[in-house]
Amino acid sequence: MPDQRAQPLRILVFGAGPIGSMFAARMHDAGHDVSLLARGDRLASLRAHGLLFAEGNSPTITTVSVPVVDAPAESYDLIVVFVRTQQVAAVLEQLTQVQGDVLFALEWAAGPEPLAAALGTERVLLGFPSLGGVMDGDVVRYRRETLVNRLAPMSIGEPDGRITPRLEALVRTLKSSGIAAKAEPRMDAWLKTHVAFVAPLSNAVRAAGSPVALAADREAIRVMVRDLRASIASLPMRPVPRAFSALTVLPEGLLVSVFRRFLTSTVAKPLGILTPSASAEIDLMIEQMRAPADA
């Protein structure tokens, strides 16, 4: 990937949901040649109105005009994929003949091997986004950046854990575009740890019907905490970040109290968006976590 200091990058953002839309807008505003790939109603909306943003519940809407496409071109300096886990296979099919490094920034516990098998190890980067937002019709509603956001930057890594020149260049590019980012040498372990945490939590919210409903059921939270402990303990490597190991040793009652507060916070609201695609993603995440043990 060319160094951003030499010239703007040609970037394809694959996925026009809240995170992909915000990422595309940030990179576009920073002077990069960005195209945003969308399909169906989202594609029609973007072509008609552009990217629409609002902070929180504000009535003020900002428009960003980013070029929108429905298929990739032949080559890019960087392709960033923001899709649900179950959509990755279809994305891989579309990118096999497209040149450029590919950063998969999504929920993924299957390891880099399936991605590298389709595209080549030299093209693949792993990551997870730090941006967040929700769709309100055609408008992306995002949260104001806080100290917590800055302390939890977008983690990016090579499949083999090396800190390479292209990884360092990408981190610089993101930072210069206003996106907090860091190189993570154990990105695969980071992603597996994240799924080991998120899957039991999401499953419990799904069973309860909403984060608030789960918060009201102390016994259900207790069961969830035990599932989280088992999930973290079953990881084939040390959790990354290491702080997740605390979930296996902290008193159960303390964790129940912490999760009850968390589930009633604004941060937990996205967990309550229980669409069929969100449920399918939870199921696939769980399947990916179980696959090594079942092999």
C-alpha atoms as a PDB file:
ATOM      1  CA  MET A   1       0.000   0.000   0.000  1.00  0.00           C
ATOM      2  CA  PRO A   2       1.534   3.366  -0.987  1.00  0.00           C
ATOM      3  CA  ASP A   3       2.401   5.742   1.843  1.00  0.00           C
ATOM      4  CA  GLN A   4      -0.346   8.334   2.318  1.00  0.00           C
ATOM      5  CA  ARG A   5       2.307  11.050   2.715  1.00  0.00           C
ATOM      6  CA  ALA A   6       3.335  10.561  -0.940  1.00  0.00           C
ATOM      7  CA  GLN A   7      -0.125  10.728  -2.488  1.00  0.00           C
ATOM      8  CA  PRO A   8      -3.805  10.246  -1.651  1.00  0.00           C
ATOM      9  CA  LEU A   9      -4.959   6.657  -1.673  1.00  0.00           C
ATOM     10  CA  ARG A  10      -7.529   5.155  -3.987  1.00  0.00           C
ATOM     11  CA  ILE A  11      -9.892   3.420  -1.550  1.00  0.00           C
ATOM     12  CA  LEU A  12     -12.945   1.205  -1.923  1.00  0.00           C
ATOM     13  CA  VAL A  13     -15.178   1.000   1.150  1.00  0.00           C
ATOM     14  CA  PHE A  14     -17.171  -2.223   0.826  1.00  0.00           C
ATOM     15  CA  GLY A  15     -20.346  -1.847   2.860  1.00  0.00           C
ATOM     16  CA  ALA A  16     -22.473   1.285   3.287  1.00  0.00           C
ATOM     17  CA  GLY A  17     -23.909   0.728   6.749  1.00  0.00           C
ATOM     18  CA  PRO A  18     -23.258   3.212   9.567  1.00  0.00           C
ATOM     19  CA  ILE A  19     -19.605   2.278  10.087  1.00  0.00           C
ATOM     20  CA  GLY A  20     -18.687   2.034   6.407  1.00  0.00           C
ATOM     21  CA  SER A  21     -20.459   5.314   5.696  1.00  0.00           C
ATOM     22  CA  MET A  22     -18.619   7.119   8.489  1.00  0.00           C
ATOM     23  CA  PHE A  23     -15.284   5.657   7.457  1.00  0.00           C
ATOM     24  CA  ALA A  24     -15.832   6.657   3.811  1.00  0.00           C
ATOM     25  CA  ALA A  25     -16.773  10.202   4.803  1.00  0.00           C
ATOM     26  CA  ARG A  26     -13.702  10.620   7.032  1.00  0.00           C
ATOM     27  CA  MET A  27     -11.324   9.344   4.378  1.00  0.00           C
ATOM     28  CA  HIS A  28     -13.016  11.422   1.667  1.00  0.00           C
ATOM     29  CA  ASP A  29     -12.785  14.576   3.773  1.00  0.00           C
ATOM     30  CA  ALA A  30      -9.078  13.850   4.302  1.00  0.00           C
ATOM     31  CA  GLY A  31      -8.503  14.050   0.545  1.00  0.00           C
ATOM     32  CA  HIS A  32      -8.462  10.406  -0.477  1.00  0.00           C
ATOM     33  CA  ASP A  33     -10.082   9.064  -3.667  1.00  0.00           C
ATOM     34  CA  VAL A  34     -12.895   7.095  -2.000  1.00  0.00           C
ATOM     35  CA  SER A  35     -15.665   5.014  -3.532  1.00  0.00           C
ATOM     36  CA  LEU A  36     -18.431   3.545  -1.384  1.00  0.00           C
ATOM     37  CA  LEU A  37     -19.965   0.265  -2.545  1.00  0.00           C
ATOM     38  CA  ALA A  38     -23.673  -0.153  -1.814  1.00  0.00           C
ATOM     39  CA  ARG A  39     -26.607  -2.200  -3.051  1.00  0.00           C
ATOM     40  CA  GLY A  40     -30.402  -2.042  -3.268  1.00  0.00           C
ATOM     41  CA  ASP A  41     -32.307   0.694  -1.445  1.00  0.00           C
ATOM     42  CA  ARG A  42     -29.130   1.993   0.203  1.00  0.00           C
ATOM     43  CA  LEU A  43     -27.512   2.508  -3.198  1.00  0.00           C
ATOM     44  CA  ALA A  44     -30.570   4.385  -4.486  1.00  0.00           C
ATOM     45  CA  SER A  45     -30.641   6.587  -1.380  1.00  0.00           C
ATOM     46  CA  LEU A  46     -26.952   7.455  -1.606  1.00  0.00           C
ATOM     47  CA  ARG A  47     -27.217   8.332  -5.275  1.00  0.00           C
ATOM     48  CA  ALA A  48     -30.219  10.538  -4.601  1.00  0.00           C
ATOM     49  CA  HIS A  49     -29.135  12.263  -1.388  1.00  0.00           C
ATOM     50  CA  GLY A  50     -25.478  11.519  -0.658  1.00  0.00           C
ATOM     51  CA  LEU A  51     -24.266  10.447   2.766  1.00  0.00           C
ATOM     52  CA  LEU A  52     -26.442  11.945   5.504  1.00  0.00           C
ATOM     53  CA  PHE A  53     -25.160  12.308   9.082  1.00  0.00           C
ATOM     54  CA  ALA A  54     -26.534  13.607  12.369  1.00  0.00           C
ATOM     55  CA  GLU A  55     -25.017  13.580  15.844  1.00  0.00           C
ATOM     56  CA  GLY A  56     -27.168  11.703  18.350  1.00  0.00           C
ATOM     57  CA  ASN A  57     -30.760  12.931  18.209  1.00  0.00           C
ATOM     58  CA  SER A  58     -29.864  16.275  16.652  1.00  0.00           C
ATOM     59  CA  PRO A  59     -32.236  17.522  13.911  1.00  0.00           C
ATOM     60  CA  THR A  60     -29.236  18.982  12.058  1.00  0.00           C
ATOM     61  CA  ILE A  61     -28.242  16.794   9.114  1.00  0.00           C
ATOM     62  CA  THR A  62     -24.906  17.077   7.303  1.00  0.00           C
ATOM     63  CA  THR A  63     -24.395  15.837   3.746  1.00  0.00           C
ATOM     64  CA  VAL A  64     -21.146  14.398   2.412  1.00  0.00           C
ATOM     65  CA  SER A  65     -20.881  13.633  -1.293  1.00  0.00           C
ATOM     66  CA  VAL A  66     -18.842  10.454  -1.719  1.00  0.00           C
ATOM     67  CA  PRO A  67     -18.834   8.607  -5.072  1.00  0.00           C
ATOM     68  CA  VAL A  68     -21.047   5.515  -4.871  1.00  0.00           C
ATOM     69  CA  VAL A  69     -20.620   2.326  -6.913  1.00  0.00           C
ATOM     70  CA  ASP A  70     -22.441  -1.004  -7.155  1.00  0.00           C
ATOM     71  CA  ALA A  71     -19.395  -3.053  -8.225  1.00  0.00           C
ATOM     72  CA  PRO A  72     -15.619  -2.823  -7.667  1.00  0.00           C
ATOM     73  CA  ALA A  73     -13.244  -1.416 -10.261  1.00  0.00           C
ATOM     74  CA  GLU A  74     -10.106  -3.328 -11.310  1.00  0.00           C
ATOM     75  CA  SER A  75      -7.704  -2.024  -8.673  1.00  0.00           C
ATOM     76  CA  TYR A  76      -7.357   0.093  -5.533  1.00  0.00           C
ATOM     77  CA  ASP A  77      -4.597   0.943  -3.116  1.00  0.00           C
ATOM     78  CA  LEU A  78      -6.821  -0.254  -0.269  1.00  0.00           C
ATOM     79  CA  ILE A  79     -10.166  -2.024   0.063  1.00  0.00           C
ATOM     80  CA  VAL A  80     -11.829  -1.852   3.488  1.00  0.00           C
ATOM     81  CA  VAL A  81     -14.619  -4.352   4.140  1.00  0.00           C
ATOM     82  CA  PHE A  82     -17.383  -3.461   6.621  1.00  0.00           C
ATOM     83  CA  VAL A  83     -20.016  -6.184   6.277  1.00  0.00           C
ATOM     84  CA  ARG A  84     -21.650  -8.777   8.501  1.00  0.00           C
ATOM     85  CA  THR A  85     -19.809 -12.027   9.097  1.00  0.00           C
ATOM     86  CA  GLN A  86     -22.183 -14.049   6.916  1.00  0.00           C
ATOM     87  CA  GLN A  87     -21.545 -11.744   3.939  1.00  0.00           C
ATOM     88  CA  VAL A  88     -17.783 -12.309   3.797  1.00  0.00           C
ATOM     89  CA  ALA A  89     -17.951 -15.318   1.448  1.00  0.00           C
ATOM     90  CA  ALA A  90     -19.810 -13.280  -1.185  1.00  0.00           C
ATOM     91  CA  VAL A  91     -17.369 -10.390  -0.770  1.00  0.00           C
ATOM     92  CA  LEU A  92     -14.402 -12.703  -1.312  1.00  0.00           C
ATOM     93  CA  GLU A  93     -15.885 -13.883  -4.605  1.00  0.00           C
ATOM     94  CA  GLN A  94     -16.137 -10.295  -5.824  1.00  0.00           C
ATOM     95  CA  LEU A  95     -12.606  -9.336  -4.775  1.00  0.00           C
ATOM     96  CA  THR A  96     -10.593 -12.243  -6.159  1.00  0.00           C
ATOM     97  CA  GLN A  97      -9.997 -10.396  -9.438  1.00  0.00           C
ATOM     98  CA  VAL A  98      -9.670  -6.923  -7.907  1.00  0.00           C
ATOM     99  CA  GLN A  99      -6.150  -5.733  -7.104  1.00  0.00           C
ATOM    100  CA  GLY A 100      -5.260  -4.092  -3.806  1.00  0.00           C
ATOM    101  CA  ASP A 101      -4.736  -4.766  -0.104  1.00  0.00           C
ATOM    102  CA  VAL A 102      -7.924  -5.787   1.714  1.00  0.00           C
ATOM    103  CA  LEU A 103      -8.617  -4.829   5.333  1.00  0.00           C
ATOM    104  CA  PHE A 104     -11.419  -6.926   6.847  1.00  0.00           C
ATOM    105  CA  ALA A 105     -12.814  -4.752   9.659  1.00  0.00           C
ATOM    106  CA  LEU A 106     -15.602  -6.888  11.120  1.00  0.00           C
ATOM    107  CA  GLU A 107     -16.621  -9.656  13.513  1.00  0.00           C
ATOM    108  CA  TRP A 108     -14.469 -12.642  12.545  1.00  0.00           C
ATOM    109  CA  ALA A 109     -13.334 -15.643  14.598  1.00  0.00           C
ATOM    110  CA  ALA A 110     -12.474 -18.044  11.756  1.00  0.00           C
ATOM    111  CA  GLY A 111      -8.862 -16.900  11.519  1.00  0.00           C
ATOM    112  CA  PRO A 112      -7.076 -15.397   8.509  1.00  0.00           C
ATOM    113  CA  GLU A 113      -6.770 -18.706   6.661  1.00  0.00           C
ATOM    114  CA  PRO A 114     -10.116 -18.601   4.755  1.00  0.00           C
ATOM    115  CA  LEU A 115      -9.439 -15.008   3.717  1.00  0.00           C
ATOM    116  CA  ALA A 116      -5.868 -15.740   2.637  1.00  0.00           C
ATOM    117  CA  ALA A 117      -6.961 -18.842   0.731  1.00  0.00           C
ATOM    118  CA  ALA A 118      -9.263 -16.702  -1.421  1.00  0.00           C
ATOM    119  CA  LEU A 119      -7.117 -13.593  -1.868  1.00  0.00           C
ATOM    120  CA  GLY A 120      -3.545 -14.493  -0.931  1.00  0.00           C
ATOM    121  CA  THR A 121      -1.879 -13.872   2.422  1.00  0.00           C
ATOM    122  CA  GLU A 122      -0.008 -10.859   1.062  1.00  0.00           C
ATOM    123  CA  ARG A 123      -3.293  -8.990   0.424  1.00  0.00           C
ATOM    124  CA  VAL A 124      -5.074  -9.604   3.725  1.00  0.00           C
ATOM    125  CA  LEU A 125      -5.186  -7.349   6.772  1.00  0.00           C
ATOM    126  CA  LEU A 126      -7.350  -7.924   9.857  1.00  0.00           C
ATOM    127  CA  GLY A 127      -9.027  -5.214  11.906  1.00  0.00           C
ATOM    128  CA  PHE A 128     -11.974  -4.018  13.891  1.00  0.00           C
ATOM    129  CA  PRO A 129     -13.600  -0.569  13.637  1.00  0.00           C
ATOM    130  CA  SER A 130     -13.769   1.964  16.438  1.00  0.00           C
ATOM    131  CA  LEU A 131     -16.447   4.112  14.768  1.00  0.00           C
ATOM    132  CA  GLY A 132     -20.067   3.558  15.740  1.00  0.00           C
ATOM    133  CA  GLY A 133     -23.530   4.654  14.679  1.00  0.00           C
ATOM    134  CA  VAL A 134     -27.026   3.527  13.749  1.00  0.00           C
ATOM    135  CA  MET A 135     -29.237   3.988  10.722  1.00  0.00           C
ATOM    136  CA  ASP A 136     -32.291   6.222  11.137  1.00  0.00           C
ATOM    137  CA  GLY A 137     -33.926   5.825   7.751  1.00  0.00           C
ATOM    138  CA  ASP A 138     -31.370   7.260   5.324  1.00  0.00           C
ATOM    139  CA  VAL A 139     -29.478   9.125   8.071  1.00  0.00           C
ATOM    140  CA  VAL A 140     -26.459   7.784   9.954  1.00  0.00           C
ATOM    141  CA  ARG A 141     -26.716   8.865  13.580  1.00  0.00           C
ATOM    142  CA  TYR A 142     -23.359   8.772  15.324  1.00  0.00           C
ATOM    143  CA  ARG A 143     -22.179   9.286  18.887  1.00  0.00           C
ATOM    144  CA  ARG A 144     -20.004  12.210  19.881  1.00  0.00           C
ATOM    145  CA  GLU A 145     -16.384  11.138  20.201  1.00  0.00           C
ATOM    146  CA  THR A 146     -15.400  10.638  23.832  1.00  0.00           C
ATOM    147  CA  LEU A 147     -12.238   9.842  25.747  1.00  0.00           C
ATOM    148  CA  VAL A 148     -13.341   6.200  25.712  1.00  0.00           C
ATOM    149  CA  ASN A 149     -13.363   6.231  21.881  1.00  0.00           C
ATOM    150  CA  ARG A 150      -9.844   7.644  21.796  1.00  0.00           C
ATOM    151  CA  LEU A 151      -8.631   5.056  24.301  1.00  0.00           C
ATOM    152  CA  ALA A 152     -10.138   2.252  22.170  1.00  0.00           C
ATOM    153  CA  PRO A 153      -8.727   2.933  18.682  1.00  0.00           C
ATOM    154  CA  MET A 154      -9.303   0.904  15.552  1.00  0.00           C
ATOM    155  CA  SER A 155      -7.017  -2.125  15.910  1.00  0.00           C
ATOM    156  CA  ILE A 156      -5.317  -3.383  12.730  1.00  0.00           C
ATOM    157  CA  GLY A 157      -2.878  -6.218  12.188  1.00  0.00           C
ATOM    158  CA  GLU A 158      -1.117  -8.511   9.768  1.00  0.00           C
ATOM    159  CA  PRO A 159      -2.285 -12.146   9.679  1.00  0.00           C
ATOM    160  CA  ASP A 160       1.138 -13.303  10.919  1.00  0.00           C
ATOM    161  CA  GLY A 161       1.502 -10.609  13.584  1.00  0.00           C
ATOM    162  CA  ARG A 162       4.390  -8.707  11.971  1.00  0.00           C
ATOM    163  CA  ILE A 163       4.557  -4.910  12.165  1.00  0.00           C
ATOM    164  CA  THR A 164       5.179  -4.257   8.481  1.00  0.00           C
ATOM    165  CA  PRO A 165       5.752  -1.016   6.560  1.00  0.00           C
ATOM    166  CA  ARG A 166       2.280  -1.287   4.966  1.00  0.00           C
ATOM    167  CA  LEU A 167       0.682  -1.689   8.414  1.00  0.00           C
ATOM    168  CA  GLU A 168       2.541   1.315   9.795  1.00  0.00           C
ATOM    169  CA  ALA A 169       1.587   3.350   6.699  1.00  0.00           C
ATOM    170  CA  LEU A 170      -2.086   2.428   7.112  1.00  0.00           C
ATOM    171  CA  VAL A 171      -2.093   3.434  10.779  1.00  0.00           C
ATOM    172  CA  ARG A 172      -0.568   6.808   9.847  1.00  0.00           C
ATOM    173  CA  THR A 173      -3.142   7.250   7.087  1.00  0.00           C
ATOM    174  CA  LEU A 174      -6.072   6.583   9.416  1.00  0.00           C
ATOM    175  CA  LYS A 175      -4.721   8.861  12.135  1.00  0.00           C
ATOM    176  CA  SER A 176      -4.181  11.687   9.655  1.00  0.00           C
ATOM    177  CA  SER A 177      -7.829  11.238   8.587  1.00  0.00           C
ATOM    178  CA  GLY A 178      -9.129  11.653  12.137  1.00  0.00           C
ATOM    179  CA  ILE A 179      -9.593   7.942  12.854  1.00  0.00           C
ATOM    180  CA  ALA A 180      -7.860   6.683  15.990  1.00  0.00           C
ATOM    181  CA  ALA A 181      -5.892   3.569  15.033  1.00  0.00           C
ATOM    182  CA  LYS A 182      -3.128   1.310  16.310  1.00  0.00           C
ATOM    183  CA  ALA A 183      -1.130  -1.672  15.069  1.00  0.00           C
ATOM    184  CA  GLU A 184      -2.077  -4.878  16.914  1.00  0.00           C
ATOM    185  CA  PRO A 185       0.489  -7.705  16.662  1.00  0.00           C
ATOM    186  CA  ARG A 186      -2.019 -10.321  17.865  1.00  0.00           C
ATOM    187  CA  MET A 187      -5.011  -9.251  15.770  1.00  0.00           C
ATOM    188  CA  ASP A 188      -6.360 -12.758  15.208  1.00  0.00           C
ATOM    189  CA  ALA A 189      -6.359 -13.391  18.969  1.00  0.00           C
ATOM    190  CA  TRP A 190      -7.950  -9.956  19.480  1.00  0.00           C
ATOM    191  CA  LEU A 191     -10.811 -10.838  17.122  1.00  0.00           C
ATOM    192  CA  LYS A 192     -11.355 -14.260  18.680  1.00  0.00           C
ATOM    193  CA  THR A 193     -11.415 -12.698  22.155  1.00  0.00           C
ATOM    194  CA  HIS A 194     -13.907 -10.092  21.011  1.00  0.00           C
ATOM    195  CA  VAL A 195     -16.247 -12.730  19.585  1.00  0.00           C
ATOM    196  CA  ALA A 196     -15.819 -14.879  22.712  1.00  0.00           C
ATOM    197  CA  PHE A 197     -17.165 -11.885  24.658  1.00  0.00           C
ATOM    198  CA  VAL A 198     -19.779 -10.547  22.243  1.00  0.00           C
ATOM    199  CA  ALA A 199     -21.416 -13.837  21.216  1.00  0.00           C
ATOM    200  CA  PRO A 200     -22.672 -14.889  24.707  1.00  0.00           C
ATOM    201  CA  LEU A 201     -23.700 -11.303  25.462  1.00  0.00           C
ATOM    202  CA  SER A 202     -25.601 -10.918  22.190  1.00  0.00           C
ATOM    203  CA  ASN A 203     -27.202 -14.325  22.603  1.00  0.00           C
ATOM    204  CA  ALA A 204     -28.463 -13.385  26.063  1.00  0.00           C
ATOM    205  CA  VAL A 205     -29.882 -10.084  24.791  1.00  0.00           C
ATOM    206  CA  ARG A 206     -31.579 -11.937  21.947  1.00  0.00           C
ATOM    207  CA  ALA A 207     -33.171 -14.414  24.362  1.00  0.00           C
ATOM    208  CA  ALA A 208     -34.375 -11.610  26.657  1.00  0.00           C
ATOM    209  CA  GLY A 209     -35.658  -9.425  23.809  1.00  0.00           C
ATOM    210  CA  SER A 210     -33.630  -6.291  24.569  1.00  0.00           C
ATOM    211  CA  PRO A 211     -30.688  -5.068  26.682  1.00  0.00           C
ATOM    212  CA  VAL A 212     -33.071  -3.432  29.179  1.00  0.00           C
ATOM    213  CA  ALA A 213     -35.118  -6.616  29.525  1.00  0.00           C
ATOM    214  CA  LEU A 214     -31.955  -8.586  30.197  1.00  0.00           C
ATOM    215  CA  ALA A 215     -30.824  -6.019  32.771  1.00  0.00           C
ATOM    216  CA  ALA A 216     -34.074  -6.588  34.680  1.00  0.00           C
ATOM    217  CA  ASP A 217     -33.481 -10.349  34.922  1.00  0.00           C
ATOM    218  CA  ARG A 218     -30.682 -10.910  37.436  1.00  0.00           C
ATOM    219  CA  GLU A 219     -30.726 -14.695  37.005  1.00  0.00           C
ATOM    220  CA  ALA A 220     -30.446 -14.416  33.210  1.00  0.00           C
ATOM    221  CA  ILE A 221     -27.429 -12.136  33.649  1.00  0.00           C
ATOM    222  CA  ARG A 222     -25.919 -14.657  36.052  1.00  0.00           C
ATOM    223  CA  VAL A 223     -26.259 -17.369  33.400  1.00  0.00           C
ATOM    224  CA  MET A 224     -24.769 -15.025  30.806  1.00  0.00           C
ATOM    225  CA  VAL A 225     -21.777 -14.302  33.048  1.00  0.00           C
ATOM    226  CA  ARG A 226     -21.125 -18.027  33.393  1.00  0.00           C
ATOM    227  CA  ASP A 227     -21.374 -18.430  29.609  1.00  0.00           C
ATOM    228  CA  LEU A 228     -18.914 -15.546  29.178  1.00  0.00           C
ATOM    229  CA  ARG A 229     -16.480 -17.149  31.614  1.00  0.00           C
ATOM    230  CA  ALA A 230     -16.645 -20.448  29.743  1.00  0.00           C
ATOM    231  CA  SER A 231     -16.281 -18.719  26.377  1.00  0.00           C
ATOM    232  CA  ILE A 232     -13.182 -16.751  27.418  1.00  0.00           C
ATOM    233  CA  ALA A 233     -11.675 -19.791  29.167  1.00  0.00           C
ATOM    234  CA  SER A 234     -12.124 -21.915  26.026  1.00  0.00           C
ATOM    235  CA  LEU A 235      -9.967 -19.642  23.868  1.00  0.00           C
ATOM    236  CA  PRO A 236      -6.975 -21.525  22.441  1.00  0.00           C
ATOM    237  CA  MET A 237      -4.714 -18.567  23.255  1.00  0.00           C
ATOM    238  CA  ARG A 238      -4.287 -15.874  25.906  1.00  0.00           C
ATOM    239  CA  PRO A 239      -7.099 -13.282  25.619  1.00  0.00           C
ATOM    240  CA  VAL A 240      -6.227 -10.022  23.873  1.00  0.00           C
ATOM    241  CA  PRO A 241      -6.444  -7.529  25.468  1.00  0.00           C
ATOM    242  CA  ARG A 242      -5.300  -9.401  28.590  1.00  0.00           C
ATOM    243  CA  ALA A 243      -7.882  -7.535  30.715  1.00  0.00           C
ATOM    244  CA  PHE A 244     -10.548  -9.938  29.424  1.00  0.00           C
ATOM    245  CA  SER A 245      -8.944 -12.613  31.610  1.00  0.00           C
ATOM    246  CA  ALA A 246     -10.456 -10.775  34.566  1.00  0.00           C
ATOM    247  CA  LEU A 247     -13.873 -12.064  33.520  1.00  0.00           C
ATOM    248  CA  THR A 248     -12.786 -15.545  34.589  1.00  0.00           C
ATOM    249  CA  VAL A 249     -11.663 -14.532  38.109  1.00  0.00           C
ATOM    250  CA  LEU A 250     -13.742 -11.559  39.275  1.00  0.00           C
ATOM    251  CA  PRO A 251     -16.597 -12.404  41.676  1.00  0.00           C
ATOM    252  CA  GLU A 252     -19.764 -13.418  39.868  1.00  0.00           C
ATOM    253  CA  GLY A 253     -21.909 -11.006  41.884  1.00  0.00           C
ATOM    254  CA  LEU A 254     -19.690  -8.084  40.946  1.00  0.00           C
ATOM    255  CA  LEU A 255     -19.899  -8.955  37.254  1.00  0.00           C
ATOM    256  CA  VAL A 256     -23.691  -9.265  37.459  1.00  0.00           C
ATOM    257  CA  SER A 257     -23.882  -5.742  38.915  1.00  0.00           C
ATOM    258  CA  VAL A 258     -21.525  -4.334  36.284  1.00  0.00           C
ATOM    259  CA  PHE A 259     -23.472  -5.875  33.414  1.00  0.00           C
ATOM    260  CA  ARG A 260     -26.814  -4.686  34.813  1.00  0.00           C
ATOM    261  CA  ARG A 261     -25.519  -1.109  34.638  1.00  0.00           C
ATOM    262  CA  PHE A 262     -23.943  -1.609  31.229  1.00  0.00           C
ATOM    263  CA  LEU A 263     -27.130  -3.038  29.708  1.00  0.00           C
ATOM    264  CA  THR A 264     -29.130   0.063  30.628  1.00  0.00           C
ATOM    265  CA  SER A 265     -26.530   2.449  29.163  1.00  0.00           C
ATOM    266  CA  THR A 266     -26.666   4.100  25.746  1.00  0.00           C
ATOM    267  CA  VAL A 267     -23.583   2.104  24.694  1.00  0.00           C
ATOM    268  CA  ALA A 268     -25.605  -1.128  24.919  1.00  0.00           C
ATOM    269  CA  LYS A 269     -28.501   0.100  22.756  1.00  0.00           C
ATOM    270  CA  PRO A 270     -27.095  -1.286  19.459  1.00  0.00           C
ATOM    271  CA  LEU A 271     -27.257  -4.772  20.992  1.00  0.00           C
ATOM    272  CA  GLY A 272     -31.030  -4.425  20.925  1.00  0.00           C
ATOM    273  CA  ILE A 273     -31.223  -4.113  17.132  1.00  0.00           C
ATOM    274  CA  LEU A 274     -32.376  -7.711  16.706  1.00  0.00           C
ATOM    275  CA  THR A 275     -32.817  -7.923  12.933  1.00  0.00           C
ATOM    276  CA  PRO A 276     -32.739 -11.292  11.131  1.00  0.00           C
ATOM    277  CA  SER A 277     -29.278 -10.454   9.742  1.00  0.00           C
ATOM    278  CA  ALA A 278     -28.013  -9.577  13.223  1.00  0.00           C
ATOM    279  CA  SER A 279     -29.308 -12.895  14.555  1.00  0.00           C
ATOM    280  CA  ALA A 280     -27.701 -14.773  11.663  1.00  0.00           C
ATOM    281  CA  GLU A 281     -24.397 -13.069  12.439  1.00  0.00           C
ATOM    282  CA  ILE A 282     -24.587 -14.130  16.092  1.00  0.00           C
ATOM    283  CA  ASP A 283     -25.202 -17.733  15.051  1.00  0.00           C
ATOM    284  CA  LEU A 284     -22.262 -17.723  12.631  1.00  0.00           C
ATOM    285  CA  MET A 285     -19.954 -16.125  15.202  1.00  0.00           C
ATOM    286  CA  ILE A 286     -20.814 -18.918  17.639  1.00  0.00           C
ATOM    287  CA  GLU A 287     -20.213 -21.496  14.907  1.00  0.00           C
ATOM    288  CA  GLN A 288     -16.807 -19.995  14.140  1.00  0.00           C
ATOM    289  CA  MET A 289     -15.837 -20.162  17.810  1.00  0.00           C
ATOM    290  CA  ARG A 290     -16.866 -23.810  18.042  1.00  0.00           C
ATOM    291  CA  ALA A 291     -15.233 -24.905  14.784  1.00  0.00           C
ATOM    292  CA  PRO A 292     -11.664 -25.442  16.121  1.00  0.00           C
ATOM    293  CA  ALA A 293     -12.945 -27.574  19.003  1.00  0.00           C
ATOM    294  CA  ASP A 294     -15.152 -29.579  16.640  1.00  0.00           C
ATOM    295  CA  ALA A 295     -12.375 -30.152  14.093  1.00  0.00           C
END
